[in-house]
Amino acid sequence: MASEEMRAQVEEVLDKLRPFLLRDGGDVEFVDIDDEGVVKVRLLGACGSCPSSTITLKAGIERALLEEVPGVKEIEQVF
């Protein structure tokens, strides 16, 4: 199980990104992080149905998490 510190760091990064998502009518919900460093998130609102959501997920959210949270390896969207 991922440490509480790692979970807090993930939440902190998502909180920094949230205003950009909210501006476009969307949001992101942190669901879980597994022992391998895979972060699971749920895209909400406009982000859930946006054709660019994969780009938002990988180029935006994943890149920020990889840069700022040691131990994060990947991000996955859950529905």
Protein backbone atom coordinates (compact mmCIF):
# COMPACT_ATOMS: atom_id res chain seq x y z
CA MET A 1 0.00 0.00 0.00
CA ALA A 2 1.28 3.46 -0.87
CA SER A 3 2.34 5.63 2.04
CA GLU A 4 0.11 8.35 3.41
CA GLU A 5 2.83 10.86 2.49
CA MET A 6 2.70 9.75 -1.16
CA ARG A 7 -1.11 9.99 -1.17
CA ALA A 8 -0.87 13.50 0.28
CA GLN A 9 1.64 14.51 -2.41
CA VAL A 10 -0.66 13.20 -5.15
CA GLU A 11 -3.58 15.16 -3.69
CA GLU A 12 -1.41 18.28 -3.51
CA VAL A 13 -0.46 18.05 -7.19
CA LEU A 14 -4.09 17.42 -8.21
CA ASP A 15 -5.15 20.45 -6.16
CA LYS A 16 -2.67 22.59 -8.13
CA LEU A 17 -4.09 21.35 -11.43
CA ARG A 18 -7.75 21.49 -10.41
CA PRO A 19 -8.31 25.22 -11.21
CA PHE A 20 -7.36 24.59 -14.86
CA LEU A 21 -9.81 21.69 -15.10
CA LEU A 22 -12.58 23.62 -13.33
CA ARG A 23 -12.13 26.52 -15.74
CA ASP A 24 -13.09 24.15 -18.56
CA GLY A 25 -16.02 22.65 -16.65
CA GLY A 26 -14.24 19.52 -15.44
CA ASP A 27 -12.54 18.11 -12.39
CA VAL A 28 -10.40 15.18 -11.26
CA GLU A 29 -10.97 12.81 -8.35
CA PHE A 30 -8.11 10.85 -6.76
CA VAL A 31 -9.27 7.24 -6.39
CA ASP A 32 -6.22 5.25 -5.30
CA ILE A 33 -2.53 4.50 -5.77
CA ASP A 34 -1.21 0.95 -5.79
CA ASP A 35 2.07 -0.53 -4.62
CA GLU A 36 3.56 -0.26 -8.12
CA GLY A 37 3.03 3.52 -8.20
CA VAL A 38 0.01 3.51 -10.51
CA VAL A 39 -2.30 6.40 -9.65
CA LYS A 40 -5.99 5.90 -10.41
CA VAL A 41 -8.15 8.96 -11.03
CA ARG A 42 -11.65 9.67 -12.24
CA LEU A 43 -12.23 12.57 -14.61
CA LEU A 44 -15.45 14.40 -13.80
CA GLY A 45 -17.75 16.89 -15.50
CA ALA A 46 -16.69 18.04 -18.94
CA CYS A 47 -13.38 16.18 -18.57
CA GLY A 48 -15.19 12.84 -18.41
CA SER A 49 -16.60 13.18 -21.92
CA CYS A 50 -14.05 15.47 -23.56
CA PRO A 51 -12.32 14.08 -26.66
CA SER A 52 -9.06 15.54 -25.33
CA SER A 53 -9.32 13.83 -21.94
CA THR A 54 -6.54 11.34 -22.78
CA ILE A 55 -4.20 14.23 -23.55
CA THR A 56 -5.24 15.98 -20.33
CA LEU A 57 -4.66 12.77 -18.41
CA LYS A 58 -1.28 11.80 -19.87
CA ALA A 59 0.34 15.08 -20.96
CA GLY A 60 -1.01 17.15 -18.09
CA ILE A 61 -1.84 15.22 -14.95
CA GLU A 62 0.55 12.28 -15.38
CA ARG A 63 3.49 14.50 -16.33
CA ALA A 64 2.96 16.67 -13.24
CA LEU A 65 2.69 13.64 -10.95
CA LEU A 66 5.81 12.00 -12.42
CA GLU A 67 7.79 15.21 -11.92
CA GLU A 68 6.58 16.02 -8.42
CA VAL A 69 5.83 12.73 -6.63
CA PRO A 70 8.67 10.22 -6.25
CA GLY A 71 7.44 6.68 -6.79
CA VAL A 72 4.62 7.48 -9.22
CA LYS A 73 5.07 5.42 -12.39
CA GLU A 74 1.83 5.90 -14.32
CA ILE A 75 -1.70 7.23 -14.20
CA GLU A 76 -4.89 5.38 -15.15
CA GLN A 77 -8.41 6.63 -15.59
CA VAL A 78 -11.18 4.69 -13.88
CA PHE A 79 -14.86 5.05 -14.66
